[in-house]
N, C-alpha and C. Protein backbone atom coordinates (compact mmCIF):
# COMPACT_ATOMS: atom_id res chain seq x y z
N UNK A 1 0.84 -1.19 0.00
CA UNK A 1 0.00 0.00 0.00
C UNK A 1 0.88 1.25 0.00
N UNK A 2 0.60 2.16 -0.91
CA UNK A 2 1.45 3.34 -1.09
C UNK A 2 0.82 4.56 -0.42
N UNK A 3 1.66 5.32 0.29
CA UNK A 3 1.19 6.47 1.05
C UNK A 3 1.95 7.72 0.65
N UNK A 4 1.23 8.84 0.52
CA UNK A 4 1.86 10.15 0.47
C UNK A 4 1.58 10.82 1.80
N UNK A 5 2.64 11.27 2.46
CA UNK A 5 2.56 11.82 3.81
C UNK A 5 2.95 13.29 3.79
N UNK A 6 2.17 14.12 4.48
CA UNK A 6 2.48 15.55 4.59
C UNK A 6 2.50 15.94 6.06
N UNK A 7 3.67 16.35 6.54
CA UNK A 7 3.86 16.78 7.93
C UNK A 7 5.07 17.71 7.96
N UNK A 8 4.88 18.91 8.53
CA UNK A 8 5.98 19.88 8.48
C UNK A 8 7.03 19.67 9.57
N UNK A 9 6.70 19.01 10.67
CA UNK A 9 7.67 18.78 11.74
C UNK A 9 8.56 17.59 11.38
N UNK A 10 9.85 17.83 11.29
CA UNK A 10 10.79 16.81 10.81
C UNK A 10 10.73 15.53 11.64
N UNK A 11 10.81 15.64 12.96
CA UNK A 11 10.86 14.45 13.80
C UNK A 11 9.57 13.65 13.69
N UNK A 12 8.42 14.33 13.68
CA UNK A 12 7.16 13.63 13.55
C UNK A 12 7.03 12.98 12.18
N UNK A 13 7.45 13.70 11.15
CA UNK A 13 7.39 13.14 9.78
C UNK A 13 8.24 11.88 9.67
N UNK A 14 9.47 11.96 10.17
CA UNK A 14 10.36 10.80 10.10
C UNK A 14 9.86 9.66 10.97
N UNK A 15 9.27 10.01 12.12
CA UNK A 15 8.70 8.98 12.97
C UNK A 15 7.56 8.24 12.30
N UNK A 16 6.69 8.99 11.61
CA UNK A 16 5.59 8.37 10.89
C UNK A 16 6.09 7.50 9.74
N UNK A 17 7.12 7.97 9.05
CA UNK A 17 7.70 7.19 7.96
C UNK A 17 8.19 5.85 8.50
N UNK A 18 8.92 5.88 9.60
CA UNK A 18 9.46 4.65 10.18
C UNK A 18 8.35 3.72 10.67
N UNK A 19 7.35 4.30 11.31
CA UNK A 19 6.24 3.49 11.81
C UNK A 19 5.49 2.81 10.66
N UNK A 20 5.15 3.59 9.65
CA UNK A 20 4.40 3.05 8.52
C UNK A 20 5.21 2.02 7.74
N UNK A 21 6.48 2.30 7.54
CA UNK A 21 7.35 1.36 6.83
C UNK A 21 7.46 0.05 7.60
N UNK A 22 7.56 0.13 8.91
CA UNK A 22 7.66 -1.06 9.74
C UNK A 22 6.43 -1.95 9.64
N UNK A 23 5.30 -1.35 9.27
CA UNK A 23 4.06 -2.12 9.13
C UNK A 23 3.76 -2.47 7.67
N UNK A 24 4.75 -2.35 6.82
CA UNK A 24 4.62 -2.83 5.45
C UNK A 24 4.11 -1.84 4.43
N UNK A 25 3.96 -0.57 4.81
CA UNK A 25 3.52 0.44 3.86
C UNK A 25 4.71 0.96 3.05
N UNK A 26 4.42 1.39 1.84
CA UNK A 26 5.43 2.05 1.01
C UNK A 26 5.17 3.55 1.03
N UNK A 27 6.19 4.34 1.39
CA UNK A 27 6.06 5.79 1.40
C UNK A 27 6.45 6.32 0.03
N UNK A 28 5.43 6.70 -0.75
CA UNK A 28 5.70 7.22 -2.09
C UNK A 28 6.34 8.59 -2.03
N UNK A 29 5.96 9.40 -1.02
CA UNK A 29 6.54 10.72 -0.83
C UNK A 29 6.22 11.19 0.58
N UNK A 30 7.15 11.92 1.18
CA UNK A 30 6.95 12.54 2.49
C UNK A 30 7.33 14.01 2.34
N UNK A 31 6.35 14.90 2.42
CA UNK A 31 6.56 16.31 2.10
C UNK A 31 6.19 17.19 3.29
N UNK A 32 6.52 18.48 3.19
CA UNK A 32 6.30 19.37 4.34
C UNK A 32 5.58 20.67 4.01
N UNK A 33 5.02 20.80 2.80
CA UNK A 33 4.26 21.99 2.45
C UNK A 33 3.00 21.61 1.69
N UNK A 34 2.03 22.53 1.67
CA UNK A 34 0.80 22.29 0.93
C UNK A 34 1.01 22.09 -0.56
N UNK A 35 1.74 22.99 -1.23
CA UNK A 35 1.98 22.80 -2.67
C UNK A 35 2.70 21.50 -2.99
N UNK A 36 3.68 21.13 -2.15
CA UNK A 36 4.41 19.88 -2.38
C UNK A 36 3.49 18.68 -2.21
N UNK A 37 2.53 18.79 -1.28
CA UNK A 37 1.57 17.71 -1.08
C UNK A 37 0.71 17.52 -2.32
N UNK A 38 0.16 18.59 -2.85
CA UNK A 38 -0.69 18.47 -4.03
C UNK A 38 0.10 17.88 -5.19
N UNK A 39 1.30 18.36 -5.41
CA UNK A 39 2.14 17.82 -6.50
C UNK A 39 2.39 16.33 -6.31
N UNK A 40 2.69 15.92 -5.08
CA UNK A 40 3.00 14.51 -4.81
C UNK A 40 1.77 13.63 -5.01
N UNK A 41 0.61 14.12 -4.60
CA UNK A 41 -0.61 13.33 -4.76
C UNK A 41 -0.96 13.15 -6.24
N UNK A 42 -0.81 14.20 -7.02
CA UNK A 42 -1.12 14.11 -8.44
C UNK A 42 -0.10 13.26 -9.19
N UNK A 43 1.15 13.30 -8.73
CA UNK A 43 2.19 12.51 -9.39
C UNK A 43 2.10 11.03 -9.04
N UNK A 44 1.95 10.73 -7.75
CA UNK A 44 2.03 9.33 -7.31
C UNK A 44 0.68 8.63 -7.23
N UNK A 45 -0.40 9.38 -7.09
CA UNK A 45 -1.75 8.80 -6.97
C UNK A 45 -1.73 7.61 -6.01
N UNK A 46 -1.47 7.89 -4.74
CA UNK A 46 -1.27 6.81 -3.76
C UNK A 46 -2.57 6.13 -3.35
N UNK A 47 -2.43 5.10 -2.55
CA UNK A 47 -3.60 4.41 -2.01
C UNK A 47 -4.27 5.22 -0.92
N UNK A 48 -3.49 6.10 -0.28
CA UNK A 48 -4.04 6.96 0.76
C UNK A 48 -3.11 8.15 0.98
N UNK A 49 -3.70 9.29 1.31
CA UNK A 49 -2.94 10.49 1.69
C UNK A 49 -3.08 10.68 3.19
N UNK A 50 -1.96 10.83 3.87
CA UNK A 50 -1.93 11.11 5.31
C UNK A 50 -1.50 12.55 5.47
N UNK A 51 -2.40 13.41 5.97
CA UNK A 51 -2.26 14.84 5.80
C UNK A 51 -2.38 15.60 7.13
N UNK A 52 -1.43 16.50 7.38
CA UNK A 52 -1.58 17.47 8.46
C UNK A 52 -2.37 18.66 7.91
N UNK A 53 -3.14 19.31 8.77
CA UNK A 53 -3.97 20.44 8.32
C UNK A 53 -3.13 21.67 8.05
N UNK A 54 -2.29 22.06 9.00
CA UNK A 54 -1.57 23.32 8.92
C UNK A 54 -0.14 23.09 8.47
N UNK A 55 0.13 23.52 7.24
CA UNK A 55 1.44 23.34 6.62
C UNK A 55 1.96 24.68 6.13
N UNK A 56 3.28 24.78 5.90
CA UNK A 56 3.82 25.99 5.28
C UNK A 56 3.19 26.18 3.89
N UNK A 57 3.10 27.42 3.39
CA UNK A 57 3.82 28.59 3.91
C UNK A 57 3.08 29.40 4.97
N UNK A 58 1.77 29.25 5.11
CA UNK A 58 1.05 30.13 6.05
C UNK A 58 0.63 29.43 7.34
N UNK A 59 0.74 28.11 7.39
CA UNK A 59 0.36 27.34 8.58
C UNK A 59 -1.09 27.58 8.98
N UNK A 60 -1.97 27.63 8.00
CA UNK A 60 -3.40 27.76 8.30
C UNK A 60 -4.13 26.47 7.92
N UNK A 61 -4.44 26.29 6.64
CA UNK A 61 -5.21 25.12 6.23
C UNK A 61 -4.70 24.50 4.92
N UNK A 62 -3.41 24.73 4.64
CA UNK A 62 -2.85 24.27 3.35
C UNK A 62 -3.03 22.77 3.12
N UNK A 63 -2.84 21.97 4.18
CA UNK A 63 -2.93 20.53 4.03
C UNK A 63 -4.31 20.08 3.60
N UNK A 64 -5.33 20.58 4.27
CA UNK A 64 -6.70 20.21 3.92
C UNK A 64 -7.08 20.71 2.54
N UNK A 65 -6.69 21.94 2.22
CA UNK A 65 -7.03 22.48 0.90
C UNK A 65 -6.35 21.69 -0.20
N UNK A 66 -5.12 21.26 0.03
CA UNK A 66 -4.41 20.44 -0.97
C UNK A 66 -5.11 19.10 -1.14
N UNK A 67 -5.56 18.51 -0.02
CA UNK A 67 -6.26 17.22 -0.10
C UNK A 67 -7.58 17.36 -0.84
N UNK A 68 -8.31 18.44 -0.58
CA UNK A 68 -9.58 18.67 -1.26
C UNK A 68 -9.35 18.86 -2.76
N UNK A 69 -8.33 19.63 -3.12
CA UNK A 69 -8.01 19.83 -4.54
C UNK A 69 -7.63 18.52 -5.20
N UNK A 70 -6.84 17.70 -4.48
CA UNK A 70 -6.43 16.41 -5.04
C UNK A 70 -7.63 15.50 -5.26
N UNK A 71 -8.57 15.51 -4.33
CA UNK A 71 -9.76 14.65 -4.49
C UNK A 71 -10.63 15.12 -5.64
N UNK A 72 -10.59 16.41 -5.94
CA UNK A 72 -11.36 16.90 -7.09
C UNK A 72 -10.76 16.40 -8.40
N UNK A 73 -9.45 16.13 -8.39
CA UNK A 73 -8.78 15.64 -9.59
C UNK A 73 -8.62 14.12 -9.60
N UNK A 74 -8.64 13.53 -8.41
CA UNK A 74 -8.54 12.07 -8.29
C UNK A 74 -9.74 11.61 -7.46
N UNK A 75 -10.91 11.47 -8.07
CA UNK A 75 -12.12 11.14 -7.32
C UNK A 75 -11.93 9.87 -6.49
N UNK A 76 -12.36 9.96 -5.23
CA UNK A 76 -12.28 8.80 -4.37
C UNK A 76 -10.96 8.60 -3.67
N UNK A 77 -10.03 9.54 -3.84
CA UNK A 77 -8.73 9.42 -3.18
C UNK A 77 -8.94 9.36 -1.66
N UNK A 78 -8.52 8.27 -0.99
CA UNK A 78 -8.68 8.20 0.46
C UNK A 78 -7.76 9.20 1.16
N UNK A 79 -8.30 9.91 2.14
CA UNK A 79 -7.54 10.93 2.87
C UNK A 79 -7.75 10.72 4.37
N UNK A 80 -6.64 10.62 5.09
CA UNK A 80 -6.68 10.57 6.54
C UNK A 80 -5.97 11.81 7.08
N UNK A 81 -6.73 12.67 7.72
CA UNK A 81 -6.18 13.89 8.32
C UNK A 81 -5.66 13.56 9.71
N UNK A 82 -4.45 14.01 10.00
CA UNK A 82 -3.84 13.82 11.31
C UNK A 82 -3.38 15.19 11.78
N UNK A 83 -4.11 15.76 12.75
CA UNK A 83 -3.88 17.15 13.08
C UNK A 83 -4.07 17.42 14.57
N UNK A 84 -3.64 18.59 15.00
CA UNK A 84 -3.92 19.05 16.36
C UNK A 84 -5.22 19.86 16.42
N UNK A 85 -5.80 20.15 15.26
CA UNK A 85 -6.93 21.07 15.21
C UNK A 85 -8.09 20.46 14.42
N UNK A 86 -9.29 20.93 14.74
CA UNK A 86 -10.47 20.58 13.95
C UNK A 86 -10.86 21.80 13.13
N UNK A 87 -10.60 21.75 11.84
CA UNK A 87 -10.97 22.84 10.94
C UNK A 87 -12.33 22.48 10.34
N UNK A 88 -13.40 23.00 10.95
CA UNK A 88 -14.73 22.52 10.61
C UNK A 88 -15.12 22.78 9.15
N UNK A 89 -14.86 23.98 8.66
CA UNK A 89 -15.29 24.32 7.30
C UNK A 89 -14.67 23.40 6.27
N UNK A 90 -13.34 23.27 6.31
CA UNK A 90 -12.68 22.45 5.30
C UNK A 90 -12.87 20.97 5.55
N UNK A 91 -13.07 20.58 6.81
CA UNK A 91 -13.36 19.18 7.09
C UNK A 91 -14.68 18.79 6.44
N UNK A 92 -15.67 19.65 6.55
CA UNK A 92 -16.95 19.38 5.90
C UNK A 92 -16.80 19.32 4.38
N UNK A 93 -15.98 20.21 3.83
CA UNK A 93 -15.78 20.19 2.38
C UNK A 93 -15.09 18.91 1.94
N UNK A 94 -14.15 18.44 2.76
CA UNK A 94 -13.48 17.18 2.44
C UNK A 94 -14.47 16.04 2.39
N UNK A 95 -15.46 16.07 3.28
CA UNK A 95 -16.47 15.02 3.35
C UNK A 95 -17.56 15.16 2.29
N UNK A 96 -17.64 16.33 1.69
CA UNK A 96 -18.83 16.69 0.91
C UNK A 96 -19.07 15.84 -0.32
N UNK A 97 -18.01 15.33 -0.98
CA UNK A 97 -18.25 14.62 -2.24
C UNK A 97 -18.79 13.22 -2.02
N UNK A 98 -18.69 12.70 -0.79
CA UNK A 98 -19.31 11.41 -0.48
C UNK A 98 -18.64 10.22 -1.10
N UNK A 99 -17.41 10.36 -1.60
CA UNK A 99 -16.72 9.23 -2.22
C UNK A 99 -15.34 9.05 -1.59
N UNK A 100 -14.93 7.79 -1.55
CA UNK A 100 -13.60 7.49 -1.02
C UNK A 100 -13.55 7.50 0.49
N UNK A 101 -12.52 6.84 1.03
CA UNK A 101 -12.35 6.79 2.47
C UNK A 101 -11.96 8.14 3.04
N UNK A 102 -12.42 8.43 4.24
CA UNK A 102 -12.06 9.68 4.91
C UNK A 102 -11.83 9.41 6.40
N UNK A 103 -10.89 10.13 6.96
CA UNK A 103 -10.63 10.02 8.39
C UNK A 103 -10.08 11.33 8.92
N UNK A 104 -10.29 11.55 10.21
CA UNK A 104 -9.78 12.77 10.84
C UNK A 104 -9.43 12.41 12.28
N UNK A 105 -8.13 12.32 12.56
CA UNK A 105 -7.66 11.98 13.89
C UNK A 105 -6.91 13.15 14.50
N UNK A 106 -7.03 13.30 15.80
CA UNK A 106 -6.30 14.34 16.51
C UNK A 106 -4.99 13.75 17.05
N UNK A 107 -3.88 14.43 16.77
CA UNK A 107 -2.56 13.91 17.11
C UNK A 107 -2.43 13.56 18.58
N UNK A 108 -2.93 14.42 19.44
CA UNK A 108 -2.71 14.21 20.86
C UNK A 108 -3.64 13.16 21.46
N UNK A 109 -4.47 12.53 20.60
CA UNK A 109 -5.35 11.46 21.07
C UNK A 109 -5.03 10.13 20.41
N UNK A 110 -3.92 10.06 19.69
CA UNK A 110 -3.46 8.80 19.11
C UNK A 110 -2.43 8.21 20.06
N UNK A 111 -2.83 7.17 20.78
CA UNK A 111 -1.97 6.61 21.82
C UNK A 111 -1.45 5.21 21.49
N UNK A 112 -2.00 4.59 20.47
CA UNK A 112 -1.69 3.18 20.20
C UNK A 112 -1.35 2.99 18.73
N UNK A 113 -0.18 2.43 18.44
CA UNK A 113 0.24 2.28 17.05
C UNK A 113 -0.65 1.30 16.30
N UNK A 114 -1.10 0.25 16.97
CA UNK A 114 -1.96 -0.72 16.30
C UNK A 114 -3.28 -0.08 15.88
N UNK A 115 -3.86 0.72 16.77
CA UNK A 115 -5.11 1.40 16.45
C UNK A 115 -4.91 2.38 15.29
N UNK A 116 -3.78 3.10 15.31
CA UNK A 116 -3.50 4.05 14.25
C UNK A 116 -3.36 3.35 12.90
N UNK A 117 -2.60 2.26 12.88
CA UNK A 117 -2.40 1.51 11.63
C UNK A 117 -3.73 0.96 11.14
N UNK A 118 -4.57 0.51 12.06
CA UNK A 118 -5.90 0.02 11.67
C UNK A 118 -6.70 1.13 11.00
N UNK A 119 -6.61 2.35 11.53
CA UNK A 119 -7.31 3.49 10.92
C UNK A 119 -6.80 3.77 9.52
N UNK A 120 -5.49 3.70 9.33
CA UNK A 120 -4.89 3.92 8.01
C UNK A 120 -5.44 2.90 7.02
N UNK A 121 -5.43 1.64 7.41
CA UNK A 121 -5.91 0.59 6.51
C UNK A 121 -7.40 0.73 6.22
N UNK A 122 -8.17 1.09 7.24
CA UNK A 122 -9.61 1.23 7.08
C UNK A 122 -9.96 2.33 6.09
N UNK A 123 -9.31 3.48 6.24
CA UNK A 123 -9.58 4.60 5.34
C UNK A 123 -9.12 4.26 3.92
N UNK A 124 -7.96 3.63 3.80
CA UNK A 124 -7.46 3.24 2.47
C UNK A 124 -8.42 2.29 1.77
N UNK A 125 -9.14 1.49 2.56
CA UNK A 125 -10.10 0.54 1.99
C UNK A 125 -11.46 1.18 1.70
N UNK A 126 -11.58 2.49 1.96
CA UNK A 126 -12.82 3.18 1.66
C UNK A 126 -13.71 3.42 2.85
N UNK A 127 -13.21 3.11 4.06
CA UNK A 127 -14.00 3.30 5.26
C UNK A 127 -13.78 4.66 5.90
N UNK A 128 -14.21 4.79 7.16
CA UNK A 128 -14.06 6.05 7.88
C UNK A 128 -13.36 5.81 9.20
N UNK A 129 -12.69 6.85 9.69
CA UNK A 129 -12.03 6.80 11.00
C UNK A 129 -12.04 8.23 11.54
N UNK A 130 -12.97 8.50 12.43
CA UNK A 130 -13.14 9.86 12.94
C UNK A 130 -12.93 9.87 14.45
N UNK A 131 -12.10 10.80 14.92
CA UNK A 131 -11.94 10.97 16.35
C UNK A 131 -13.27 11.43 16.95
N UNK A 132 -13.63 10.93 18.14
CA UNK A 132 -14.91 11.35 18.75
C UNK A 132 -15.03 12.86 18.92
N UNK A 133 -13.94 13.54 19.27
CA UNK A 133 -14.00 14.99 19.43
C UNK A 133 -14.29 15.69 18.10
N UNK A 134 -13.73 15.14 17.02
CA UNK A 134 -14.00 15.71 15.70
C UNK A 134 -15.46 15.55 15.35
N UNK A 135 -16.00 14.35 15.58
CA UNK A 135 -17.40 14.10 15.30
C UNK A 135 -18.28 15.07 16.09
N UNK A 136 -17.97 15.22 17.38
CA UNK A 136 -18.77 16.11 18.23
C UNK A 136 -18.77 17.54 17.72
N UNK A 137 -17.62 18.04 17.31
CA UNK A 137 -17.53 19.43 16.84
C UNK A 137 -18.22 19.62 15.50
N UNK A 138 -18.10 18.62 14.63
CA UNK A 138 -18.75 18.74 13.33
C UNK A 138 -20.26 18.67 13.44
N UNK A 139 -20.73 17.96 14.45
CA UNK A 139 -22.17 17.80 14.61
C UNK A 139 -22.80 18.84 15.51
N UNK A 140 -21.97 19.64 16.16
CA UNK A 140 -22.46 20.53 17.21
C UNK A 140 -23.60 21.43 16.75
N UNK A 141 -23.52 21.95 15.53
CA UNK A 141 -24.54 22.89 15.08
C UNK A 141 -25.64 22.29 14.26
N UNK A 142 -25.69 20.94 14.19
CA UNK A 142 -26.62 20.31 13.25
C UNK A 142 -27.80 19.60 13.89
N UNK A 143 -27.96 19.75 15.21
CA UNK A 143 -28.91 18.89 15.91
C UNK A 143 -30.34 19.02 15.40
N UNK A 144 -30.71 20.15 14.82
CA UNK A 144 -32.10 20.32 14.40
C UNK A 144 -32.27 20.24 12.88
N UNK A 145 -31.19 19.99 12.16
CA UNK A 145 -31.27 19.97 10.71
C UNK A 145 -31.72 18.62 10.19
N UNK A 146 -32.52 18.61 9.10
CA UNK A 146 -32.84 17.38 8.40
C UNK A 146 -31.64 17.00 7.54
N UNK A 147 -31.34 15.67 7.43
CA UNK A 147 -32.06 14.56 8.04
C UNK A 147 -31.67 14.24 9.47
N UNK A 148 -30.76 15.00 10.03
CA UNK A 148 -30.30 14.74 11.39
C UNK A 148 -31.45 14.78 12.38
N UNK A 149 -32.39 15.68 12.16
CA UNK A 149 -33.50 15.82 13.09
C UNK A 149 -34.40 14.60 13.16
N UNK A 150 -34.29 13.72 12.17
CA UNK A 150 -35.11 12.52 12.16
C UNK A 150 -34.60 11.46 13.13
N UNK A 151 -33.33 11.58 13.52
CA UNK A 151 -32.72 10.54 14.34
C UNK A 151 -33.00 10.74 15.82
N UNK A 152 -33.17 9.63 16.53
CA UNK A 152 -33.30 9.70 17.98
C UNK A 152 -31.92 9.93 18.59
N UNK A 153 -31.91 10.25 19.88
CA UNK A 153 -30.64 10.48 20.56
C UNK A 153 -29.76 9.23 20.51
N UNK A 154 -30.35 8.05 20.68
CA UNK A 154 -29.58 6.81 20.63
C UNK A 154 -29.05 6.55 19.23
N UNK A 155 -29.87 6.85 18.21
CA UNK A 155 -29.42 6.65 16.83
C UNK A 155 -28.26 7.58 16.50
N UNK A 156 -28.32 8.82 17.01
CA UNK A 156 -27.19 9.74 16.80
C UNK A 156 -25.94 9.22 17.50
N UNK A 157 -26.12 8.65 18.68
CA UNK A 157 -24.98 8.10 19.41
C UNK A 157 -24.36 6.93 18.64
N UNK A 158 -25.21 6.06 18.12
CA UNK A 158 -24.72 4.92 17.34
C UNK A 158 -24.00 5.40 16.09
N UNK A 159 -24.58 6.38 15.41
CA UNK A 159 -23.95 6.87 14.19
C UNK A 159 -22.63 7.55 14.49
N UNK A 160 -22.53 8.23 15.62
CA UNK A 160 -21.26 8.81 16.02
C UNK A 160 -20.19 7.75 16.18
N UNK A 161 -20.55 6.59 16.74
CA UNK A 161 -19.61 5.50 16.91
C UNK A 161 -19.27 4.86 15.56
N UNK A 162 -20.25 4.79 14.67
CA UNK A 162 -19.99 4.31 13.31
C UNK A 162 -18.97 5.22 12.64
N UNK A 163 -19.12 6.53 12.84
CA UNK A 163 -18.20 7.50 12.25
C UNK A 163 -16.77 7.28 12.73
N UNK A 164 -16.62 6.81 13.96
CA UNK A 164 -15.29 6.52 14.48
C UNK A 164 -14.69 5.28 13.82
N UNK A 165 -15.51 4.54 13.07
CA UNK A 165 -15.03 3.35 12.39
C UNK A 165 -15.28 2.07 13.16
N UNK A 166 -16.11 2.12 14.20
CA UNK A 166 -16.34 0.94 15.03
C UNK A 166 -17.31 -0.03 14.36
N UNK A 167 -17.08 -1.31 14.57
CA UNK A 167 -17.98 -2.35 14.07
C UNK A 167 -19.21 -2.43 14.95
N UNK A 168 -20.24 -3.16 14.48
CA UNK A 168 -21.44 -3.32 15.29
C UNK A 168 -21.12 -4.00 16.62
N UNK A 169 -20.20 -4.98 16.58
CA UNK A 169 -19.82 -5.68 17.81
C UNK A 169 -19.17 -4.71 18.80
N UNK A 170 -18.29 -3.85 18.29
CA UNK A 170 -17.62 -2.89 19.16
C UNK A 170 -18.60 -1.87 19.73
N UNK A 171 -19.56 -1.46 18.90
CA UNK A 171 -20.58 -0.50 19.36
C UNK A 171 -21.44 -1.14 20.44
N UNK A 172 -21.80 -2.41 20.23
CA UNK A 172 -22.61 -3.12 21.22
C UNK A 172 -21.88 -3.18 22.56
N UNK A 173 -20.58 -3.48 22.51
CA UNK A 173 -19.80 -3.54 23.74
C UNK A 173 -19.70 -2.19 24.41
N UNK A 174 -19.56 -1.13 23.61
CA UNK A 174 -19.44 0.23 24.16
C UNK A 174 -20.74 0.66 24.86
N UNK A 175 -21.89 0.31 24.25
CA UNK A 175 -23.17 0.77 24.76
C UNK A 175 -23.81 -0.21 25.74
N UNK A 176 -23.24 -1.41 25.84
CA UNK A 176 -23.80 -2.40 26.74
C UNK A 176 -25.11 -2.99 26.26
N UNK A 177 -25.23 -3.15 24.94
CA UNK A 177 -26.43 -3.74 24.35
C UNK A 177 -26.01 -4.88 23.43
N UNK A 178 -26.97 -5.58 22.86
CA UNK A 178 -26.66 -6.68 21.96
C UNK A 178 -26.36 -6.16 20.55
N UNK A 179 -25.68 -6.99 19.76
CA UNK A 179 -25.43 -6.63 18.36
C UNK A 179 -26.74 -6.48 17.60
N UNK A 180 -27.74 -7.28 17.97
CA UNK A 180 -29.04 -7.20 17.31
C UNK A 180 -29.65 -5.82 17.49
N UNK A 181 -29.51 -5.26 18.70
CA UNK A 181 -30.04 -3.92 18.97
C UNK A 181 -29.29 -2.88 18.14
N UNK A 182 -27.96 -3.03 18.05
CA UNK A 182 -27.17 -2.10 17.25
C UNK A 182 -27.56 -2.18 15.79
N UNK A 183 -27.75 -3.40 15.30
CA UNK A 183 -28.16 -3.59 13.90
C UNK A 183 -29.48 -2.90 13.62
N UNK A 184 -30.40 -2.99 14.59
CA UNK A 184 -31.69 -2.32 14.43
C UNK A 184 -31.52 -0.81 14.37
N UNK A 185 -30.66 -0.27 15.24
CA UNK A 185 -30.43 1.18 15.23
C UNK A 185 -29.80 1.63 13.91
N UNK A 186 -28.80 0.89 13.44
CA UNK A 186 -28.14 1.28 12.19
C UNK A 186 -29.11 1.18 11.01
N UNK A 187 -29.97 0.16 11.03
CA UNK A 187 -30.97 0.04 9.95
C UNK A 187 -31.92 1.23 9.97
N UNK A 188 -32.31 1.65 11.17
CA UNK A 188 -33.17 2.84 11.28
C UNK A 188 -32.47 4.08 10.76
N UNK A 189 -31.18 4.20 11.07
CA UNK A 189 -30.40 5.34 10.58
C UNK A 189 -30.38 5.35 9.06
N UNK A 190 -30.09 4.20 8.46
CA UNK A 190 -30.04 4.13 7.00
C UNK A 190 -31.38 4.53 6.39
N UNK A 191 -32.47 4.06 6.99
CA UNK A 191 -33.80 4.38 6.48
C UNK A 191 -34.08 5.88 6.57
N UNK A 192 -33.76 6.46 7.73
CA UNK A 192 -34.05 7.88 7.94
C UNK A 192 -33.16 8.79 7.10
N UNK A 193 -31.99 8.27 6.69
CA UNK A 193 -31.11 9.05 5.83
C UNK A 193 -31.34 8.73 4.35
N UNK A 194 -32.42 7.96 4.08
CA UNK A 194 -32.83 7.64 2.70
C UNK A 194 -31.75 6.89 1.93
N UNK A 195 -31.06 5.98 2.61
CA UNK A 195 -30.06 5.14 1.96
C UNK A 195 -30.69 3.81 1.59
N UNK A 196 -30.61 3.46 0.33
CA UNK A 196 -31.26 2.25 -0.18
C UNK A 196 -30.65 1.01 0.48
N UNK A 197 -31.49 0.05 0.91
CA UNK A 197 -30.97 -1.17 1.53
C UNK A 197 -29.94 -1.86 0.65
N UNK A 198 -28.84 -2.28 1.28
CA UNK A 198 -27.74 -2.90 0.56
C UNK A 198 -26.86 -3.64 1.55
N UNK A 199 -26.20 -4.69 1.06
CA UNK A 199 -25.24 -5.41 1.90
C UNK A 199 -23.87 -4.76 1.84
N UNK A 200 -23.71 -3.73 1.05
CA UNK A 200 -22.43 -3.06 0.86
C UNK A 200 -22.06 -2.26 2.11
N UNK A 201 -20.87 -2.50 2.67
CA UNK A 201 -20.43 -1.76 3.85
C UNK A 201 -20.29 -0.27 3.59
N UNK A 202 -20.20 0.13 2.32
CA UNK A 202 -20.07 1.55 2.02
C UNK A 202 -21.30 2.34 2.47
N UNK A 203 -22.39 1.65 2.71
CA UNK A 203 -23.58 2.34 3.19
C UNK A 203 -23.32 2.97 4.55
N UNK A 204 -22.45 2.36 5.34
CA UNK A 204 -22.07 2.95 6.62
C UNK A 204 -21.33 4.25 6.40
N UNK A 205 -20.42 4.25 5.43
CA UNK A 205 -19.67 5.47 5.12
C UNK A 205 -20.61 6.54 4.59
N UNK A 206 -21.53 6.17 3.71
CA UNK A 206 -22.47 7.13 3.16
C UNK A 206 -23.34 7.73 4.26
N UNK A 207 -23.72 6.90 5.23
CA UNK A 207 -24.51 7.41 6.35
C UNK A 207 -23.73 8.45 7.14
N UNK A 208 -22.47 8.16 7.40
CA UNK A 208 -21.63 9.11 8.13
C UNK A 208 -21.48 10.41 7.35
N UNK A 209 -21.23 10.29 6.06
CA UNK A 209 -21.04 11.48 5.24
C UNK A 209 -22.32 12.30 5.16
N UNK A 210 -23.46 11.63 4.97
CA UNK A 210 -24.73 12.35 4.92
C UNK A 210 -25.01 13.04 6.23
N UNK A 211 -24.67 12.37 7.30
CA UNK A 211 -24.90 12.91 8.65
C UNK A 211 -24.05 14.14 8.90
N UNK A 212 -22.77 14.04 8.62
CA UNK A 212 -21.87 15.15 8.89
C UNK A 212 -22.07 16.34 7.96
N UNK A 213 -22.68 16.07 6.81
CA UNK A 213 -22.89 17.15 5.86
C UNK A 213 -24.31 17.68 5.85
N UNK A 214 -25.12 17.23 6.81
CA UNK A 214 -26.52 17.68 6.83
C UNK A 214 -26.59 19.13 7.29
């Protein structure tokens, strides 16, 4: 699996390169600016982009804007944001096209290498991996909007856990209920978000995207 990595801090960038390489990933490019990220993504067309939000030259939102531009030219390009900040506007724009894997993790909440690598693989495969704090901030202003308003409090809680990338079994364990109950809640979510019944796991991703972009 080929990765393009963007991180401006040398030690963190090199640490990520070593970690990812140790787990069998190929680093197609490791860059430290927004323009260099966009060039690398268009040149290498990797299996996934691992992106910091704030990159030189202005340290505002170059990383996210480069990822959004790359996805407009490479539809479905999986992007995993790894940042200290939640940039709500551009995060929503990144999610807006509804295609390809997406993830947003906060650096200071990544404590386990196995969990991190699992998130990388999940997003590369077209899934989602969202930090709970990111989900909470993105949803903060949407509680009364359709289709969000159709969901019960429990359904919103379940969908928040789905957004984190958790399986039905993991959600059941977290909430202290059976998998059957979780399946019922997720089915209700899909129905209320007008997602056509399907055995395709991408329906979970579409539900998350529809939810976060409502």
